[in-house]
Full PDB file with SEQRES, HELIX, SHEET, SSBOND, CRYST1, ORIGX, SCALE, CONECT and MASTER records, all heavy atoms in Angstrom:
SEQRES   1 A   42  PRO MET TYR ASN GLU GLU ALA VAL ILE PRO VAL LEU VAL          
SEQRES   2 A   42  ALA ARG LEU ARG PRO VAL LEU ASP SER LEU ASP VAL GLU          
SEQRES   3 A   42  TYR GLU VAL VAL ALA VAL ASP ASP GLY SER ALA ASP ASP          
SEQRES   4 A   42  THR ALA ASN                                                  
HELIX    1 AA1 ILE A    9  ASP A   21  1                                  13    
CRYST1    1.000    1.000    1.000  90.00  90.00  90.00 P 1           1          
ORIGX1      1.000000  0.000000  0.000000        0.00000                         
ORIGX2      0.000000  1.000000  0.000000        0.00000                         
ORIGX3      0.000000  0.000000  1.000000        0.00000                         
SCALE1      1.000000  0.000000  0.000000        0.00000                         
SCALE2      0.000000  1.000000  0.000000        0.00000                         
SCALE3      0.000000  0.000000  1.000000        0.00000                         
ATOM      1  N   PRO A   1       7.425   3.249  -0.004  1.00  0.00           N  
ATOM      2  CA  PRO A   1       7.984   3.327  -1.362  1.00  0.00           C  
ATOM      3  C   PRO A   1       7.631   2.056  -2.134  1.00  0.00           C  
ATOM      4  O   PRO A   1       7.702   0.953  -1.594  1.00  0.00           O  
ATOM      5  CB  PRO A   1       9.499   3.438  -1.133  1.00  0.00           C  
ATOM      6  CG  PRO A   1       9.665   3.778   0.317  1.00  0.00           C  
ATOM      7  CD  PRO A   1       8.483   3.176   1.013  1.00  0.00           C  
ATOM      8  N   MET A   2       7.269   2.226  -3.404  1.00  0.00           N  
ATOM      9  CA  MET A   2       6.875   1.083  -4.223  1.00  0.00           C  
ATOM     10  C   MET A   2       7.530   1.164  -5.592  1.00  0.00           C  
ATOM     11  O   MET A   2       7.524   2.228  -6.219  1.00  0.00           O  
ATOM     12  CB  MET A   2       5.352   1.035  -4.413  1.00  0.00           C  
ATOM     13  CG  MET A   2       4.553   0.815  -3.149  1.00  0.00           C  
ATOM     14  SD  MET A   2       2.780   0.756  -3.507  1.00  0.00           S  
ATOM     15  CE  MET A   2       2.119   0.378  -1.877  1.00  0.00           C  
ATOM     16  N   TYR A   3       8.068   0.038  -6.039  1.00  0.00           N  
ATOM     17  CA  TYR A   3       8.602  -0.056  -7.396  1.00  0.00           C  
ATOM     18  C   TYR A   3       8.301  -1.442  -7.942  1.00  0.00           C  
ATOM     19  O   TYR A   3       8.823  -2.436  -7.444  1.00  0.00           O  
ATOM     20  CB  TYR A   3      10.114   0.209  -7.408  1.00  0.00           C  
ATOM     21  CG  TYR A   3      10.724   0.074  -8.786  1.00  0.00           C  
ATOM     22  CD1 TYR A   3      10.369   0.950  -9.811  1.00  0.00           C  
ATOM     23  CD2 TYR A   3      11.619  -0.940  -9.071  1.00  0.00           C  
ATOM     24  CE1 TYR A   3      10.902   0.827 -11.075  1.00  0.00           C  
ATOM     25  CE2 TYR A   3      12.163  -1.084 -10.334  1.00  0.00           C  
ATOM     26  CZ  TYR A   3      11.802  -0.190 -11.339  1.00  0.00           C  
ATOM     27  OH  TYR A   3      12.336  -0.323 -12.597  1.00  0.00           O  
ATOM     28  N   ASN A   4       7.416  -1.490  -8.931  1.00  0.00           N  
ATOM     29  CA  ASN A   4       7.008  -2.761  -9.546  1.00  0.00           C  
ATOM     30  C   ASN A   4       6.539  -3.759  -8.498  1.00  0.00           C  
ATOM     31  O   ASN A   4       7.012  -4.898  -8.424  1.00  0.00           O  
ATOM     32  CB  ASN A   4       8.158  -3.350 -10.363  1.00  0.00           C  
ATOM     33  CG  ASN A   4       8.471  -2.530 -11.602  1.00  0.00           C  
ATOM     34  OD1 ASN A   4       7.697  -1.665 -12.014  1.00  0.00           O  
ATOM     35  ND2 ASN A   4       9.617  -2.780 -12.205  1.00  0.00           N  
ATOM     36  N   GLU A   5       5.564  -3.338  -7.688  1.00  0.00           N  
ATOM     37  CA  GLU A   5       5.079  -4.174  -6.589  1.00  0.00           C  
ATOM     38  C   GLU A   5       3.638  -4.625  -6.809  1.00  0.00           C  
ATOM     39  O   GLU A   5       2.905  -4.877  -5.856  1.00  0.00           O  
ATOM     40  CB  GLU A   5       5.173  -3.403  -5.267  1.00  0.00           C  
ATOM     41  CG  GLU A   5       6.583  -3.070  -4.821  1.00  0.00           C  
ATOM     42  CD  GLU A   5       7.351  -4.276  -4.304  1.00  0.00           C  
ATOM     43  OE1 GLU A   5       6.827  -5.403  -4.418  1.00  0.00           O  
ATOM     44  OE2 GLU A   5       8.473  -4.098  -3.800  1.00  0.00           O  
ATOM     45  N   GLU A   6       3.205  -4.753  -8.065  1.00  0.00           N  
ATOM     46  CA  GLU A   6       1.813  -5.105  -8.319  1.00  0.00           C  
ATOM     47  C   GLU A   6       1.423  -6.454  -7.701  1.00  0.00           C  
ATOM     48  O   GLU A   6       0.280  -6.642  -7.277  1.00  0.00           O  
ATOM     49  CB  GLU A   6       1.542  -5.128  -9.822  1.00  0.00           C  
ATOM     50  CG  GLU A   6       2.352  -6.157 -10.592  1.00  0.00           C  
ATOM     51  CD  GLU A   6       1.988  -6.203 -12.068  1.00  0.00           C  
ATOM     52  OE1 GLU A   6       1.089  -5.444 -12.459  1.00  0.00           O  
ATOM     53  OE2 GLU A   6       2.597  -6.991 -12.814  1.00  0.00           O  
ATOM     54  N   ALA A   7       2.365  -7.378  -7.618  1.00  0.00           N  
ATOM     55  CA  ALA A   7       2.028  -8.703  -7.101  1.00  0.00           C  
ATOM     56  C   ALA A   7       1.751  -8.696  -5.606  1.00  0.00           C  
ATOM     57  O   ALA A   7       1.003  -9.541  -5.098  1.00  0.00           O  
ATOM     58  CB  ALA A   7       3.167  -9.682  -7.415  1.00  0.00           C  
ATOM     59  N   VAL A   8       2.328  -7.736  -4.885  1.00  0.00           N  
ATOM     60  CA  VAL A   8       2.222  -7.758  -3.425  1.00  0.00           C  
ATOM     61  C   VAL A   8       1.159  -6.796  -2.894  1.00  0.00           C  
ATOM     62  O   VAL A   8       0.766  -6.892  -1.725  1.00  0.00           O  
ATOM     63  CB  VAL A   8       3.592  -7.420  -2.795  1.00  0.00           C  
ATOM     64  CG1 VAL A   8       3.853  -5.922  -2.780  1.00  0.00           C  
ATOM     65  CG2 VAL A   8       3.706  -7.980  -1.378  1.00  0.00           C  
ATOM     66  N   ILE A   9       0.662  -5.894  -3.711  1.00  0.00           N  
ATOM     67  CA  ILE A   9      -0.257  -4.857  -3.222  1.00  0.00           C  
ATOM     68  C   ILE A   9      -1.529  -5.432  -2.607  1.00  0.00           C  
ATOM     69  O   ILE A   9      -1.941  -5.007  -1.517  1.00  0.00           O  
ATOM     70  CB  ILE A   9      -0.574  -3.851  -4.344  1.00  0.00           C  
ATOM     71  CG1 ILE A   9       0.651  -2.965  -4.599  1.00  0.00           C  
ATOM     72  CG2 ILE A   9      -1.778  -2.976  -3.979  1.00  0.00           C  
ATOM     73  CD1 ILE A   9       0.483  -1.985  -5.737  1.00  0.00           C  
ATOM     74  N   PRO A  10      -2.217  -6.396  -3.233  1.00  0.00           N  
ATOM     75  CA  PRO A  10      -3.424  -6.938  -2.580  1.00  0.00           C  
ATOM     76  C   PRO A  10      -3.146  -7.523  -1.206  1.00  0.00           C  
ATOM     77  O   PRO A  10      -3.923  -7.328  -0.262  1.00  0.00           O  
ATOM     78  CB  PRO A  10      -3.900  -8.016  -3.568  1.00  0.00           C  
ATOM     79  CG  PRO A  10      -3.334  -7.607  -4.885  1.00  0.00           C  
ATOM     80  CD  PRO A  10      -2.014  -6.989  -4.577  1.00  0.00           C  
ATOM     81  N   VAL A  11      -2.026  -8.235  -1.073  1.00  0.00           N  
ATOM     82  CA  VAL A  11      -1.671  -8.820   0.225  1.00  0.00           C  
ATOM     83  C   VAL A  11      -1.324  -7.722   1.222  1.00  0.00           C  
ATOM     84  O   VAL A  11      -1.689  -7.782   2.399  1.00  0.00           O  
ATOM     85  CB  VAL A  11      -0.494  -9.803   0.070  1.00  0.00           C  
ATOM     86  CG1 VAL A  11      -0.216 -10.517   1.390  1.00  0.00           C  
ATOM     87  CG2 VAL A  11      -0.761 -10.795  -1.040  1.00  0.00           C  
ATOM     88  N   LEU A  12      -0.612  -6.703   0.759  1.00  0.00           N  
ATOM     89  CA  LEU A  12      -0.224  -5.590   1.627  1.00  0.00           C  
ATOM     90  C   LEU A  12      -1.447  -4.874   2.177  1.00  0.00           C  
ATOM     91  O   LEU A  12      -1.548  -4.608   3.387  1.00  0.00           O  
ATOM     92  CB  LEU A  12       0.659  -4.616   0.843  1.00  0.00           C  
ATOM     93  CG  LEU A  12       0.985  -3.289   1.527  1.00  0.00           C  
ATOM     94  CD1 LEU A  12       1.865  -3.506   2.749  1.00  0.00           C  
ATOM     95  CD2 LEU A  12       1.667  -2.330   0.540  1.00  0.00           C  
ATOM     96  N   VAL A  13      -2.396  -4.560   1.313  1.00  0.00           N  
ATOM     97  CA  VAL A  13      -3.604  -3.849   1.746  1.00  0.00           C  
ATOM     98  C   VAL A  13      -4.408  -4.697   2.724  1.00  0.00           C  
ATOM     99  O   VAL A  13      -4.886  -4.210   3.757  1.00  0.00           O  
ATOM    100  CB  VAL A  13      -4.452  -3.454   0.526  1.00  0.00           C  
ATOM    101  CG1 VAL A  13      -5.806  -2.900   0.970  1.00  0.00           C  
ATOM    102  CG2 VAL A  13      -3.716  -2.429  -0.325  1.00  0.00           C  
ATOM    103  N   ALA A  14      -4.552  -5.986   2.408  1.00  0.00           N  
ATOM    104  CA  ALA A  14      -5.337  -6.870   3.267  1.00  0.00           C  
ATOM    105  C   ALA A  14      -4.725  -7.021   4.656  1.00  0.00           C  
ATOM    106  O   ALA A  14      -5.446  -7.246   5.635  1.00  0.00           O  
ATOM    107  CB  ALA A  14      -5.474  -8.245   2.604  1.00  0.00           C  
ATOM    108  N   ARG A  15      -3.435  -6.853   4.757  1.00  0.00           N  
ATOM    109  CA  ARG A  15      -2.769  -7.031   6.055  1.00  0.00           C  
ATOM    110  C   ARG A  15      -2.561  -5.712   6.785  1.00  0.00           C  
ATOM    111  O   ARG A  15      -2.642  -5.667   8.019  1.00  0.00           O  
ATOM    112  CB  ARG A  15      -1.428  -7.717   5.832  1.00  0.00           C  
ATOM    113  CG  ARG A  15      -0.729  -8.122   7.111  1.00  0.00           C  
ATOM    114  CD  ARG A  15       0.417  -9.041   6.822  1.00  0.00           C  
ATOM    115  NE  ARG A  15       1.247  -9.272   7.999  1.00  0.00           N  
ATOM    116  CZ  ARG A  15       2.378  -9.951   8.000  1.00  0.00           C  
ATOM    117  NH1 ARG A  15       2.808 -10.499   6.871  1.00  0.00           N  
ATOM    118  NH2 ARG A  15       3.064 -10.114   9.110  1.00  0.00           N  
ATOM    119  N   LEU A  16      -2.271  -4.639   6.041  1.00  0.00           N  
ATOM    120  CA  LEU A  16      -1.961  -3.357   6.683  1.00  0.00           C  
ATOM    121  C   LEU A  16      -3.206  -2.639   7.183  1.00  0.00           C  
ATOM    122  O   LEU A  16      -3.202  -2.063   8.278  1.00  0.00           O  
ATOM    123  CB  LEU A  16      -1.198  -2.471   5.698  1.00  0.00           C  
ATOM    124  CG  LEU A  16      -0.835  -1.063   6.176  1.00  0.00           C  
ATOM    125  CD1 LEU A  16       0.100  -1.115   7.383  1.00  0.00           C  
ATOM    126  CD2 LEU A  16      -0.177  -0.263   5.044  1.00  0.00           C  
ATOM    127  N   ARG A  17      -4.280  -2.655   6.411  1.00  0.00           N  
ATOM    128  CA  ARG A  17      -5.453  -1.868   6.785  1.00  0.00           C  
ATOM    129  C   ARG A  17      -6.055  -2.276   8.132  1.00  0.00           C  
ATOM    130  O   ARG A  17      -6.358  -1.408   8.959  1.00  0.00           O  
ATOM    131  CB  ARG A  17      -6.510  -1.936   5.686  1.00  0.00           C  
ATOM    132  CG  ARG A  17      -7.699  -1.032   5.973  1.00  0.00           C  
ATOM    133  CD  ARG A  17      -8.670  -0.971   4.824  1.00  0.00           C  
ATOM    134  NE  ARG A  17      -9.745  -0.027   5.108  1.00  0.00           N  
ATOM    135  CZ  ARG A  17     -10.734   0.247   4.264  1.00  0.00           C  
ATOM    136  NH1 ARG A  17     -10.780  -0.352   3.075  1.00  0.00           N  
ATOM    137  NH2 ARG A  17     -11.669   1.117   4.598  1.00  0.00           N  
ATOM    138  N   PRO A  18      -6.244  -3.574   8.424  1.00  0.00           N  
ATOM    139  CA  PRO A  18      -6.791  -3.933   9.749  1.00  0.00           C  
ATOM    140  C   PRO A  18      -5.915  -3.461  10.902  1.00  0.00           C  
ATOM    141  O   PRO A  18      -6.436  -3.071  11.962  1.00  0.00           O  
ATOM    142  CB  PRO A  18      -6.865  -5.462   9.695  1.00  0.00           C  
ATOM    143  CG  PRO A  18      -6.926  -5.799   8.249  1.00  0.00           C  
ATOM    144  CD  PRO A  18      -6.092  -4.769   7.565  1.00  0.00           C  
ATOM    145  N   VAL A  19      -4.599  -3.474  10.708  1.00  0.00           N  
ATOM    146  CA  VAL A  19      -3.696  -3.009  11.762  1.00  0.00           C  
ATOM    147  C   VAL A  19      -3.913  -1.533  12.037  1.00  0.00           C  
ATOM    148  O   VAL A  19      -4.052  -1.109  13.191  1.00  0.00           O  
ATOM    149  CB  VAL A  19      -2.226  -3.272  11.362  1.00  0.00           C  
ATOM    150  CG1 VAL A  19      -1.276  -2.616  12.365  1.00  0.00           C  
ATOM    151  CG2 VAL A  19      -1.954  -4.761  11.281  1.00  0.00           C  
ATOM    152  N   LEU A  20      -3.962  -0.726  10.990  1.00  0.00           N  
ATOM    153  CA  LEU A  20      -4.114   0.723  11.169  1.00  0.00           C  
ATOM    154  C   LEU A  20      -5.508   1.089  11.669  1.00  0.00           C  
ATOM    155  O   LEU A  20      -5.656   2.002  12.496  1.00  0.00           O  
ATOM    156  CB  LEU A  20      -3.808   1.440   9.852  1.00  0.00           C  
ATOM    157  CG  LEU A  20      -2.379   1.248   9.306  1.00  0.00           C  
ATOM    158  CD1 LEU A  20      -2.193   2.011   7.995  1.00  0.00           C  
ATOM    159  CD2 LEU A  20      -1.343   1.704  10.323  1.00  0.00           C  
ATOM    160  N   ASP A  21      -6.527   0.387  11.193  1.00  0.00           N  
ATOM    161  CA  ASP A  21      -7.893   0.675  11.668  1.00  0.00           C  
ATOM    162  C   ASP A  21      -8.039   0.379  13.155  1.00  0.00           C  
ATOM    163  O   ASP A  21      -8.822   1.036  13.858  1.00  0.00           O  
ATOM    164  CB  ASP A  21      -8.907  -0.160  10.876  1.00  0.00           C  
ATOM    165  CG  ASP A  21      -9.098   0.354   9.453  1.00  0.00           C  
ATOM    166  OD1 ASP A  21      -8.713   1.508   9.175  1.00  0.00           O  
ATOM    167  OD2 ASP A  21      -9.605  -0.414   8.619  1.00  0.00           O  
ATOM    168  N   SER A  22      -7.277  -0.602  13.647  1.00  0.00           N  
ATOM    169  CA  SER A  22      -7.394  -0.985  15.053  1.00  0.00           C  
ATOM    170  C   SER A  22      -6.674  -0.022  15.994  1.00  0.00           C  
ATOM    171  O   SER A  22      -6.841  -0.124  17.218  1.00  0.00           O  
ATOM    172  CB  SER A  22      -6.844  -2.395  15.254  1.00  0.00           C  
ATOM    173  OG  SER A  22      -5.431  -2.421  15.056  1.00  0.00           O  
ATOM    174  N   LEU A  23      -5.885   0.901  15.447  1.00  0.00           N  
ATOM    175  CA  LEU A  23      -5.127   1.821  16.295  1.00  0.00           C  
ATOM    176  C   LEU A  23      -5.998   2.927  16.879  1.00  0.00           C  
ATOM    177  O   LEU A  23      -5.599   3.613  17.820  1.00  0.00           O  
ATOM    178  CB  LEU A  23      -3.970   2.442  15.499  1.00  0.00           C  
ATOM    179  CG  LEU A  23      -2.886   1.476  15.014  1.00  0.00           C  
ATOM    180  CD1 LEU A  23      -1.831   2.229  14.202  1.00  0.00           C  
ATOM    181  CD2 LEU A  23      -2.228   0.770  16.188  1.00  0.00           C  
ATOM    182  N   ASP A  24      -7.165   3.151  16.313  1.00  0.00           N  
ATOM    183  CA  ASP A  24      -8.090   4.177  16.801  1.00  0.00           C  
ATOM    184  C   ASP A  24      -7.467   5.567  16.779  1.00  0.00           C  
ATOM    185  O   ASP A  24      -7.586   6.338  17.737  1.00  0.00           O  
ATOM    186  CB  ASP A  24      -8.580   3.824  18.219  1.00  0.00           C  
ATOM    187  CG  ASP A  24      -9.811   4.642  18.603  1.00  0.00           C  
ATOM    188  OD1 ASP A  24     -10.544   5.059  17.687  1.00  0.00           O  
ATOM    189  OD2 ASP A  24     -10.003   4.886  19.805  1.00  0.00           O  
ATOM    190  N   VAL A  25      -6.746   5.875  15.679  1.00  0.00           N  
ATOM    191  CA  VAL A  25      -6.173   7.205  15.475  1.00  0.00           C  
ATOM    192  C   VAL A  25      -6.422   7.620  14.037  1.00  0.00           C  
ATOM    193  O   VAL A  25      -6.651   6.781  13.156  1.00  0.00           O  
ATOM    194  CB  VAL A  25      -4.648   7.227  15.760  1.00  0.00           C  
ATOM    195  CG1 VAL A  25      -4.356   6.880  17.204  1.00  0.00           C  
ATOM    196  CG2 VAL A  25      -3.896   6.302  14.811  1.00  0.00           C  
ATOM    197  N   GLU A  26      -6.384   8.918  13.789  1.00  0.00           N  
ATOM    198  CA  GLU A  26      -6.461   9.424  12.417  1.00  0.00           C  
ATOM    199  C   GLU A  26      -5.146   9.089  11.713  1.00  0.00           C  
ATOM    200  O   GLU A  26      -4.069   9.379  12.238  1.00  0.00           O  
ATOM    201  CB  GLU A  26      -6.691  10.933  12.417  1.00  0.00           C  
ATOM    202  CG  GLU A  26      -8.054  11.356  12.933  1.00  0.00           C  
ATOM    203  CD  GLU A  26      -9.171  10.969  11.980  1.00  0.00           C  
ATOM    204  OE1 GLU A  26      -8.906  10.903  10.758  1.00  0.00           O  
ATOM    205  OE2 GLU A  26     -10.288  10.694  12.466  1.00  0.00           O  
ATOM    206  N   TYR A  27      -5.233   8.466  10.543  1.00  0.00           N  
ATOM    207  CA  TYR A  27      -4.008   8.065   9.860  1.00  0.00           C  
ATOM    208  C   TYR A  27      -4.139   8.262   8.356  1.00  0.00           C  
ATOM    209  O   TYR A  27      -5.239   8.439   7.818  1.00  0.00           O  
ATOM    210  CB  TYR A  27      -3.670   6.609  10.176  1.00  0.00           C  
ATOM    211  CG  TYR A  27      -4.589   5.587   9.534  1.00  0.00           C  
ATOM    212  CD1 TYR A  27      -4.344   5.126   8.230  1.00  0.00           C  
ATOM    213  CD2 TYR A  27      -5.684   5.073  10.212  1.00  0.00           C  
ATOM    214  CE1 TYR A  27      -5.174   4.196   7.629  1.00  0.00           C  
ATOM    215  CE2 TYR A  27      -6.510   4.140   9.622  1.00  0.00           C  
ATOM    216  CZ  TYR A  27      -6.259   3.701   8.332  1.00  0.00           C  
ATOM    217  OH  TYR A  27      -7.086   2.786   7.747  1.00  0.00           O  
ATOM    218  N   GLU A  28      -3.011   8.218   7.698  1.00  0.00           N  
ATOM    219  CA  GLU A  28      -2.951   8.200   6.247  1.00  0.00           C  
ATOM    220  C   GLU A  28      -1.864   7.213   5.819  1.00  0.00           C  
ATOM    221  O   GLU A  28      -0.899   6.993   6.550  1.00  0.00           O  
ATOM    222  CB  GLU A  28      -2.624   9.595   5.680  1.00  0.00           C  
ATOM    223  CG  GLU A  28      -1.238  10.101   6.053  1.00  0.00           C  
ATOM    224  CD  GLU A  28      -0.852  11.387   5.336  1.00  0.00           C  
ATOM    225  OE1 GLU A  28      -1.626  11.864   4.485  1.00  0.00           O  
ATOM    226  OE2 GLU A  28       0.250  11.907   5.632  1.00  0.00           O  
ATOM    227  N   VAL A  29      -2.036   6.625   4.654  1.00  0.00           N  
ATOM    228  CA  VAL A  29      -1.031   5.741   4.073  1.00  0.00           C  
ATOM    229  C   VAL A  29      -0.536   6.406   2.793  1.00  0.00           C  
ATOM    230  O   VAL A  29      -1.316   6.626   1.865  1.00  0.00           O  
ATOM    231  CB  VAL A  29      -1.597   4.347   3.771  1.00  0.00           C  
ATOM    232  CG1 VAL A  29      -0.535   3.474   3.102  1.00  0.00           C  
ATOM    233  CG2 VAL A  29      -2.094   3.685   5.051  1.00  0.00           C  
ATOM    234  N   VAL A  30       0.745   6.758   2.769  1.00  0.00           N  
ATOM    235  CA  VAL A  30       1.328   7.463   1.631  1.00  0.00           C  
ATOM    236  C   VAL A  30       2.111   6.459   0.799  1.00  0.00           C  
ATOM    237  O   VAL A  30       3.242   6.101   1.131  1.00  0.00           O  
ATOM    238  CB  VAL A  30       2.242   8.618   2.097  1.00  0.00           C  
ATOM    239  CG1 VAL A  30       2.761   9.407   0.896  1.00  0.00           C  
ATOM    240  CG2 VAL A  30       1.496   9.533   3.060  1.00  0.00           C  
ATOM    241  N   ALA A  31       1.509   5.987  -0.282  1.00  0.00           N  
ATOM    242  CA  ALA A  31       2.181   5.076  -1.207  1.00  0.00           C  
ATOM    243  C   ALA A  31       2.902   5.896  -2.262  1.00  0.00           C  
ATOM    244  O   ALA A  31       2.281   6.720  -2.945  1.00  0.00           O  
ATOM    245  CB  ALA A  31       1.173   4.136  -1.858  1.00  0.00           C  
ATOM    246  N   VAL A  32       4.202   5.701  -2.397  1.00  0.00           N  
ATOM    247  CA  VAL A  32       5.007   6.458  -3.356  1.00  0.00           C  
ATOM    248  C   VAL A  32       5.409   5.530  -4.490  1.00  0.00           C  
ATOM    249  O   VAL A  32       6.225   4.621  -4.304  1.00  0.00           O  
ATOM    250  CB  VAL A  32       6.260   7.065  -2.693  1.00  0.00           C  
ATOM    251  CG1 VAL A  32       7.028   7.921  -3.699  1.00  0.00           C  
ATOM    252  CG2 VAL A  32       5.879   7.886  -1.471  1.00  0.00           C  
ATOM    253  N   ASP A  33       4.811   5.733  -5.659  1.00  0.00           N  
ATOM    254  CA  ASP A  33       5.149   4.925  -6.820  1.00  0.00           C  
ATOM    255  C   ASP A  33       6.410   5.486  -7.465  1.00  0.00           C  
ATOM    256  O   ASP A  33       6.408   6.578  -8.023  1.00  0.00           O  
ATOM    257  CB  ASP A  33       3.994   4.934  -7.818  1.00  0.00           C  
ATOM    258  CG  ASP A  33       4.340   4.183  -9.093  1.00  0.00           C  
ATOM    259  OD1 ASP A  33       4.918   3.099  -8.981  1.00  0.00           O  
ATOM    260  OD2 ASP A  33       4.055   4.697 -10.187  1.00  0.00           O  
ATOM    261  N   ASP A  34       7.480   4.712  -7.395  1.00  0.00           N  
ATOM    262  CA  ASP A  34       8.794   5.170  -7.855  1.00  0.00           C  
ATOM    263  C   ASP A  34       8.998   4.860  -9.342  1.00  0.00           C  
ATOM    264  O   ASP A  34       9.920   4.158  -9.724  1.00  0.00           O  
ATOM    265  CB  ASP A  34       9.888   4.500  -7.013  1.00  0.00           C  
ATOM    266  CG  ASP A  34      11.279   5.048  -7.309  1.00  0.00           C  
ATOM    267  OD1 ASP A  34      11.379   6.161  -7.836  1.00  0.00           O  
ATOM    268  OD2 ASP A  34      12.261   4.346  -7.000  1.00  0.00           O  
ATOM    269  N   GLY A  35       8.102   5.387 -10.168  1.00  0.00           N  
ATOM    270  CA  GLY A  35       8.228   5.188 -11.606  1.00  0.00           C  
ATOM    271  C   GLY A  35       8.087   3.742 -12.028  1.00  0.00           C  
ATOM    272  O   GLY A  35       8.818   3.277 -12.914  1.00  0.00           O  
ATOM    273  N   SER A  36       7.135   3.025 -11.452  1.00  0.00           N  
ATOM    274  CA  SER A  36       6.974   1.605 -11.757  1.00  0.00           C  
ATOM    275  C   SER A  36       6.616   1.392 -13.225  1.00  0.00           C  
ATOM    276  O   SER A  36       5.887   2.196 -13.831  1.00  0.00           O  
ATOM    277  CB  SER A  36       5.888   0.986 -10.878  1.00  0.00           C  
ATOM    278  OG  SER A  36       6.249   1.048  -9.512  1.00  0.00           O  
ATOM    279  N   ALA A  37       7.100   0.275 -13.777  1.00  0.00           N  
ATOM    280  CA  ALA A  37       6.802  -0.070 -15.165  1.00  0.00           C  
ATOM    281  C   ALA A  37       5.620  -1.031 -15.264  1.00  0.00           C  
ATOM    282  O   ALA A  37       5.191  -1.357 -16.370  1.00  0.00           O  
ATOM    283  CB  ALA A  37       8.035  -0.689 -15.822  1.00  0.00           C  
ATOM    284  N   ASP A  38       5.093  -1.487 -14.127  1.00  0.00           N  
ATOM    285  CA  ASP A  38       3.966  -2.413 -14.147  1.00  0.00           C  
ATOM    286  C   ASP A  38       2.690  -1.686 -13.731  1.00  0.00           C  
ATOM    287  O   ASP A  38       2.571  -0.476 -13.891  1.00  0.00           O  
ATOM    288  CB  ASP A  38       4.256  -3.624 -13.257  1.00  0.00           C  
ATOM    289  CG  ASP A  38       4.439  -3.247 -11.797  1.00  0.00           C  
ATOM    290  OD1 ASP A  38       4.297  -2.047 -11.460  1.00  0.00           O  
ATOM    291  OD2 ASP A  38       4.725  -4.145 -10.973  1.00  0.00           O  
ATOM    292  N   ASP A  39       1.731  -2.423 -13.180  1.00  0.00           N  
ATOM    293  CA  ASP A  39       0.407  -1.867 -12.855  1.00  0.00           C  
ATOM    294  C   ASP A  39       0.307  -1.388 -11.411  1.00  0.00           C  
ATOM    295  O   ASP A  39      -0.798  -1.250 -10.885  1.00  0.00           O  
ATOM    296  CB  ASP A  39      -0.659  -2.935 -13.110  1.00  0.00           C  
ATOM    297  CG  ASP A  39      -1.832  -2.380 -13.909  1.00  0.00           C  
ATOM    298  OD1 ASP A  39      -1.671  -1.326 -14.537  1.00  0.00           O  
ATOM    299  OD2 ASP A  39      -2.904  -3.016 -13.896  1.00  0.00           O  
ATOM    300  N   THR A  40       1.428  -1.109 -10.771  1.00  0.00           N  
ATOM    301  CA  THR A  40       1.424  -0.714  -9.361  1.00  0.00           C  
ATOM    302  C   THR A  40       0.528   0.485  -9.101  1.00  0.00           C  
ATOM    303  O   THR A  40      -0.337   0.465  -8.208  1.00  0.00           O  
ATOM    304  CB  THR A  40       2.857  -0.407  -8.889  1.00  0.00           C  
ATOM    305  OG1 THR A  40       3.645  -1.598  -8.939  1.00  0.00           O  
ATOM    306  CG2 THR A  40       2.857   0.120  -7.462  1.00  0.00           C  
ATOM    307  N   ALA A  41       0.697   1.568  -9.856  1.00  0.00           N  
ATOM    308  CA  ALA A  41      -0.065   2.800  -9.614  1.00  0.00           C  
ATOM    309  C   ALA A  41      -1.561   2.584  -9.805  1.00  0.00           C  
ATOM    310  O   ALA A  41      -2.379   3.062  -9.004  1.00  0.00           O  
ATOM    311  CB  ALA A  41       0.435   3.914 -10.534  1.00  0.00           C  
ATOM    312  N   ASN A  42      -1.951   1.846 -10.848  1.00  0.00           N  
ATOM    313  CA  ASN A  42      -3.377   1.602 -11.083  1.00  0.00           C  
ATOM    314  C   ASN A  42      -3.994   0.765  -9.980  1.00  0.00           C  
ATOM    315  O   ASN A  42      -5.141   0.981  -9.578  1.00  0.00           O  
ATOM    316  CB  ASN A  42      -3.569   0.918 -12.431  1.00  0.00           C  
ATOM    317  CG  ASN A  42      -3.426   1.886 -13.596  1.00  0.00           C  
ATOM    318  OD1 ASN A  42      -3.649   3.082 -13.450  1.00  0.00           O  
ATOM    319  ND2 ASN A  42      -3.031   1.357 -14.741  1.00  0.00           N  
TER     320      ASN A  42                                                      
MASTER        0    0    0    1    0    0    0    6  319    1    0    4          
END                                                                             
């Protein structure tokens, strides 16, 4: 879940993606934009 999290998204992606790629399983990341007023969705 995300609400006005534009400041943390680059750090989140840089840290989360290597963890999931290393699991060697098919995965998806479901980001839910909870009506953010900033640039979170973009």
